[in-house]
Amino acid sequence: MGKKKRSGPGTGGTPATVAASAAGVTHRLHAYVHDPAAGRYGEEAVHALGADPARVLKTLVAEVDGVLTVAVVPVPSSLGLKALASAVGGKRAVMADPAAAERVTGYVRGGISPLGQRKLLPTVLDASATEHPTVWVSAGRRGLEIELAPADLVALTGALIAPIAR
């Protein structure tokens, strides 16, 4: 994949990129011009960057038995709420209120990264991510993705790996 790229004007400086750099994780940043009218942020990233949709992951925040939990799944997939609950030993999962997700993670919707969140939340990475040498997740703002090895994503987030996408 090459050497890690340092954050610079217009490409980074987010808590996510700082966390990756501070940990010495090899990564690449991919910037694109975000369209404010875009409603599906993950699909926008895939299209704008010409990336493999299976390798671009979206970060979703759910509530499992009242505990905010991060789920990271491929853009073309949807989150299996029952599978997420099961993965963390819970009974019931629902999508979190967007305002609560933004407040706890420190990121805005469409730019929520699993890296560098204000509060470390339980995190589950879909098992399909481990099939790829690298994956792309939001780097902490709309229009910026960070590419890194799935093992590094797991190490930085403390994520569990489970089949949570459908």
C-alpha atoms as a PDB file:
ATOM      1  CA  MET A   1       0.000   0.000   0.000  1.00  0.00           C
ATOM      2  CA  GLY A   2       2.906   2.371   0.441  1.00  0.00           C
ATOM      3  CA  LYS A   3       3.974   4.752   3.119  1.00  0.00           C
ATOM      4  CA  LYS A   4       1.554   6.468   5.395  1.00  0.00           C
ATOM      5  CA  LYS A   5       0.396   9.818   4.181  1.00  0.00           C
ATOM      6  CA  ARG A   6       0.603  12.756   6.518  1.00  0.00           C
ATOM      7  CA  SER A   7      -2.380  14.978   7.050  1.00  0.00           C
ATOM      8  CA  GLY A   8      -2.211  18.246   5.181  1.00  0.00           C
ATOM      9  CA  PRO A   9      -4.366  21.135   4.062  1.00  0.00           C
ATOM     10  CA  GLY A  10      -7.615  19.856   2.622  1.00  0.00           C
ATOM     11  CA  THR A  11      -6.805  16.204   3.261  1.00  0.00           C
ATOM     12  CA  GLY A  12      -6.912  15.572   6.953  1.00  0.00           C
ATOM     13  CA  GLY A  13      -6.122  16.711  10.399  1.00  0.00           C
ATOM     14  CA  THR A  14      -9.195  14.983  11.799  1.00  0.00           C
ATOM     15  CA  PRO A  15      -9.167  12.982  15.037  1.00  0.00           C
ATOM     16  CA  ALA A  16      -9.322   9.840  12.849  1.00  0.00           C
ATOM     17  CA  THR A  17      -6.209  10.702  10.838  1.00  0.00           C
ATOM     18  CA  VAL A  18      -4.390  11.837  13.962  1.00  0.00           C
ATOM     19  CA  ALA A  19      -5.231   8.510  15.667  1.00  0.00           C
ATOM     20  CA  ALA A  20      -3.945   6.483  12.706  1.00  0.00           C
ATOM     21  CA  SER A  21      -0.757   8.534  12.433  1.00  0.00           C
ATOM     22  CA  ALA A  22      -0.112   8.490  16.185  1.00  0.00           C
ATOM     23  CA  ALA A  23      -0.428   4.694  16.198  1.00  0.00           C
ATOM     24  CA  GLY A  24       2.056   4.419  13.330  1.00  0.00           C
ATOM     25  CA  VAL A  25      -0.529   2.713  11.149  1.00  0.00           C
ATOM     26  CA  THR A  26       0.173   2.636   7.424  1.00  0.00           C
ATOM     27  CA  HIS A  27      -2.716   4.355   5.700  1.00  0.00           C
ATOM     28  CA  ARG A  28      -3.703   6.406   2.688  1.00  0.00           C
ATOM     29  CA  LEU A  29      -6.103   9.303   2.527  1.00  0.00           C
ATOM     30  CA  HIS A  30      -8.544   9.678  -0.354  1.00  0.00           C
ATOM     31  CA  ALA A  31     -10.238  13.059  -0.722  1.00  0.00           C
ATOM     32  CA  TYR A  32     -13.127  14.016  -2.975  1.00  0.00           C
ATOM     33  CA  VAL A  33     -15.444  16.973  -3.304  1.00  0.00           C
ATOM     34  CA  HIS A  34     -18.500  16.265  -1.170  1.00  0.00           C
ATOM     35  CA  ASP A  35     -21.851  17.196  -2.682  1.00  0.00           C
ATOM     36  CA  PRO A  36     -24.036  18.730   0.079  1.00  0.00           C
ATOM     37  CA  ALA A  37     -27.101  17.369  -1.748  1.00  0.00           C
ATOM     38  CA  ALA A  38     -25.843  13.778  -1.436  1.00  0.00           C
ATOM     39  CA  GLY A  39     -28.017  11.729   0.866  1.00  0.00           C
ATOM     40  CA  ARG A  40     -26.132   8.454   0.792  1.00  0.00           C
ATOM     41  CA  TYR A  41     -22.642   9.343   1.912  1.00  0.00           C
ATOM     42  CA  GLY A  42     -21.064   5.912   1.437  1.00  0.00           C
ATOM     43  CA  GLU A  43     -22.400   5.574  -2.084  1.00  0.00           C
ATOM     44  CA  GLU A  44     -21.145   9.079  -2.832  1.00  0.00           C
ATOM     45  CA  ALA A  45     -17.632   8.082  -1.711  1.00  0.00           C
ATOM     46  CA  VAL A  46     -17.679   4.892  -3.792  1.00  0.00           C
ATOM     47  CA  HIS A  47     -18.782   6.781  -6.895  1.00  0.00           C
ATOM     48  CA  ALA A  48     -16.516   9.825  -6.429  1.00  0.00           C
ATOM     49  CA  LEU A  49     -13.416   7.724  -5.795  1.00  0.00           C
ATOM     50  CA  GLY A  50     -14.162   4.864  -8.196  1.00  0.00           C
ATOM     51  CA  ALA A  51     -13.620   2.463  -5.326  1.00  0.00           C
ATOM     52  CA  ASP A  52     -14.671  -1.170  -4.907  1.00  0.00           C
ATOM     53  CA  PRO A  53     -17.970  -0.917  -2.965  1.00  0.00           C
ATOM     54  CA  ALA A  54     -17.176  -4.063  -0.958  1.00  0.00           C
ATOM     55  CA  ARG A  55     -14.045  -2.361   0.427  1.00  0.00           C
ATOM     56  CA  VAL A  56     -15.676   0.953   1.332  1.00  0.00           C
ATOM     57  CA  LEU A  57     -17.277   0.654   4.753  1.00  0.00           C
ATOM     58  CA  LYS A  58     -19.912   2.798   6.385  1.00  0.00           C
ATOM     59  CA  THR A  59     -19.915   3.539  10.091  1.00  0.00           C
ATOM     60  CA  LEU A  60     -23.304   3.229  11.752  1.00  0.00           C
ATOM     61  CA  VAL A  61     -24.199   3.866  15.367  1.00  0.00           C
ATOM     62  CA  ALA A  62     -26.858   1.719  16.998  1.00  0.00           C
ATOM     63  CA  GLU A  63     -28.147   1.206  20.504  1.00  0.00           C
ATOM     64  CA  VAL A  64     -27.816  -2.310  21.848  1.00  0.00           C
ATOM     65  CA  ASP A  65     -29.803  -2.738  25.054  1.00  0.00           C
ATOM     66  CA  GLY A  66     -29.365   1.004  25.644  1.00  0.00           C
ATOM     67  CA  VAL A  67     -25.609   1.064  24.934  1.00  0.00           C
ATOM     68  CA  LEU A  68     -24.368   3.011  21.908  1.00  0.00           C
ATOM     69  CA  THR A  69     -22.469   0.615  19.665  1.00  0.00           C
ATOM     70  CA  VAL A  70     -20.606   1.188  16.407  1.00  0.00           C
ATOM     71  CA  ALA A  71     -21.189  -1.103  13.438  1.00  0.00           C
ATOM     72  CA  VAL A  72     -18.900  -1.004  10.403  1.00  0.00           C
ATOM     73  CA  VAL A  73     -20.327  -2.653   7.281  1.00  0.00           C
ATOM     74  CA  PRO A  74     -19.752  -2.497   3.506  1.00  0.00           C
ATOM     75  CA  VAL A  75     -21.561   0.352   1.738  1.00  0.00           C
ATOM     76  CA  PRO A  76     -23.774  -1.929  -0.427  1.00  0.00           C
ATOM     77  CA  SER A  77     -24.966  -3.843   2.654  1.00  0.00           C
ATOM     78  CA  SER A  78     -27.402  -3.037   5.373  1.00  0.00           C
ATOM     79  CA  LEU A  79     -26.833  -3.660   9.053  1.00  0.00           C
ATOM     80  CA  GLY A  80     -28.419  -6.723  10.585  1.00  0.00           C
ATOM     81  CA  LEU A  81     -29.590  -5.353  13.917  1.00  0.00           C
ATOM     82  CA  LYS A  82     -30.213  -8.804  15.418  1.00  0.00           C
ATOM     83  CA  ALA A  83     -26.745  -9.916  14.329  1.00  0.00           C
ATOM     84  CA  LEU A  84     -25.196  -6.804  15.892  1.00  0.00           C
ATOM     85  CA  ALA A  85     -27.009  -7.377  19.178  1.00  0.00           C
ATOM     86  CA  SER A  86     -25.927 -11.005  19.196  1.00  0.00           C
ATOM     87  CA  ALA A  87     -22.300 -10.090  18.430  1.00  0.00           C
ATOM     88  CA  VAL A  88     -22.044  -7.958  21.567  1.00  0.00           C
ATOM     89  CA  GLY A  89     -24.094 -10.271  23.779  1.00  0.00           C
ATOM     90  CA  GLY A  90     -27.193  -8.095  23.686  1.00  0.00           C
ATOM     91  CA  LYS A  91     -30.847  -8.809  23.097  1.00  0.00           C
ATOM     92  CA  ARG A  92     -32.141  -5.882  21.049  1.00  0.00           C
ATOM     93  CA  ALA A  93     -30.604  -3.300  18.760  1.00  0.00           C
ATOM     94  CA  VAL A  94     -32.091  -0.191  17.157  1.00  0.00           C
ATOM     95  CA  MET A  95     -30.452   2.566  15.178  1.00  0.00           C
ATOM     96  CA  ALA A  96     -29.258   5.381  17.433  1.00  0.00           C
ATOM     97  CA  ASP A  97     -30.668   8.863  17.295  1.00  0.00           C
ATOM     98  CA  PRO A  98     -28.453  10.761  14.797  1.00  0.00           C
ATOM     99  CA  ALA A  99     -27.934  13.671  17.220  1.00  0.00           C
ATOM    100  CA  ALA A 100     -26.779  11.256  19.941  1.00  0.00           C
ATOM    101  CA  ALA A 101     -24.409   9.542  17.493  1.00  0.00           C
ATOM    102  CA  GLU A 102     -22.903  12.892  16.503  1.00  0.00           C
ATOM    103  CA  ARG A 103     -22.586  14.070  20.104  1.00  0.00           C
ATOM    104  CA  VAL A 104     -20.880  10.912  21.370  1.00  0.00           C
ATOM    105  CA  THR A 105     -18.564  10.330  18.396  1.00  0.00           C
ATOM    106  CA  GLY A 106     -17.669  13.980  17.812  1.00  0.00           C
ATOM    107  CA  TYR A 107     -18.375  13.648  14.090  1.00  0.00           C
ATOM    108  CA  VAL A 108     -21.233  14.744  11.837  1.00  0.00           C
ATOM    109  CA  ARG A 109     -23.482  12.255  10.067  1.00  0.00           C
ATOM    110  CA  GLY A 110     -21.842  11.224   6.826  1.00  0.00           C
ATOM    111  CA  GLY A 111     -18.437  11.814   8.367  1.00  0.00           C
ATOM    112  CA  ILE A 112     -18.594   9.501  11.376  1.00  0.00           C
ATOM    113  CA  SER A 113     -15.387   7.515  11.523  1.00  0.00           C
ATOM    114  CA  PRO A 114     -14.802   4.428  13.638  1.00  0.00           C
ATOM    115  CA  LEU A 115     -11.399   5.997  14.439  1.00  0.00           C
ATOM    116  CA  GLY A 116     -10.677   8.824  16.855  1.00  0.00           C
ATOM    117  CA  GLN A 117     -14.132   9.079  18.384  1.00  0.00           C
ATOM    118  CA  ARG A 118     -14.646  11.262  21.477  1.00  0.00           C
ATOM    119  CA  LYS A 119     -15.669   8.221  23.475  1.00  0.00           C
ATOM    120  CA  LEU A 120     -14.520   4.702  22.658  1.00  0.00           C
ATOM    121  CA  LEU A 121     -17.707   2.774  21.927  1.00  0.00           C
ATOM    122  CA  PRO A 122     -18.089  -0.976  21.533  1.00  0.00           C
ATOM    123  CA  THR A 123     -17.361  -1.585  17.856  1.00  0.00           C
ATOM    124  CA  VAL A 124     -18.188  -4.493  15.542  1.00  0.00           C
ATOM    125  CA  LEU A 125     -16.593  -4.887  12.119  1.00  0.00           C
ATOM    126  CA  ASP A 126     -18.403  -7.002   9.565  1.00  0.00           C
ATOM    127  CA  ALA A 127     -16.448 -10.201   8.907  1.00  0.00           C
ATOM    128  CA  SER A 128     -16.408  -9.569   5.153  1.00  0.00           C
ATOM    129  CA  ALA A 129     -13.918  -6.732   5.702  1.00  0.00           C
ATOM    130  CA  THR A 130     -11.214  -9.259   6.570  1.00  0.00           C
ATOM    131  CA  GLU A 131     -11.381 -10.660   3.018  1.00  0.00           C
ATOM    132  CA  HIS A 132      -9.596  -7.561   1.683  1.00  0.00           C
ATOM    133  CA  PRO A 133      -5.995  -6.383   2.113  1.00  0.00           C
ATOM    134  CA  THR A 134      -7.271  -2.871   2.839  1.00  0.00           C
ATOM    135  CA  VAL A 135     -10.620  -1.210   3.499  1.00  0.00           C
ATOM    136  CA  TRP A 136     -11.783   2.386   3.382  1.00  0.00           C
ATOM    137  CA  VAL A 137     -13.690   4.124   6.177  1.00  0.00           C
ATOM    138  CA  SER A 138     -14.580   7.740   6.775  1.00  0.00           C
ATOM    139  CA  ALA A 139     -11.582   9.744   7.902  1.00  0.00           C
ATOM    140  CA  GLY A 140     -13.781  11.968  10.035  1.00  0.00           C
ATOM    141  CA  ARG A 141     -15.341  14.380   7.604  1.00  0.00           C
ATOM    142  CA  ARG A 142     -17.482  14.222   4.511  1.00  0.00           C
ATOM    143  CA  GLY A 143     -15.268  13.989   1.455  1.00  0.00           C
ATOM    144  CA  LEU A 144     -12.356  12.173   3.107  1.00  0.00           C
ATOM    145  CA  GLU A 145     -11.768   8.422   3.384  1.00  0.00           C
ATOM    146  CA  ILE A 146      -8.886   6.619   5.059  1.00  0.00           C
ATOM    147  CA  GLU A 147      -7.616   3.333   3.632  1.00  0.00           C
ATOM    148  CA  LEU A 148      -5.981   0.892   6.024  1.00  0.00           C
ATOM    149  CA  ALA A 149      -5.622  -2.818   6.708  1.00  0.00           C
ATOM    150  CA  PRO A 150      -8.624  -4.429   8.452  1.00  0.00           C
ATOM    151  CA  ALA A 151      -6.298  -5.686  11.213  1.00  0.00           C
ATOM    152  CA  ASP A 152      -5.204  -2.098  11.893  1.00  0.00           C
ATOM    153  CA  LEU A 153      -8.842  -0.964  11.991  1.00  0.00           C
ATOM    154  CA  VAL A 154      -9.534  -3.680  14.566  1.00  0.00           C
ATOM    155  CA  ALA A 155      -6.452  -2.750  16.606  1.00  0.00           C
ATOM    156  CA  LEU A 156      -7.315   0.959  16.665  1.00  0.00           C
ATOM    157  CA  THR A 157     -10.967   0.463  17.609  1.00  0.00           C
ATOM    158  CA  GLY A 158     -10.879  -2.706  19.689  1.00  0.00           C
ATOM    159  CA  ALA A 159     -13.524  -4.052  17.309  1.00  0.00           C
ATOM    160  CA  LEU A 160     -15.044  -7.477  17.407  1.00  0.00           C
ATOM    161  CA  ILE A 161     -15.333  -9.213  14.042  1.00  0.00           C
ATOM    162  CA  ALA A 162     -18.726 -10.755  13.284  1.00  0.00           C
ATOM    163  CA  PRO A 163     -21.079 -11.281  10.345  1.00  0.00           C
ATOM    164  CA  ILE A 164     -23.364  -8.286  10.899  1.00  0.00           C
ATOM    165  CA  ALA A 165     -24.069  -7.180   7.306  1.00  0.00           C
ATOM    166  CA  ARG A 166     -26.941  -8.447   5.220  1.00  0.00           C
END
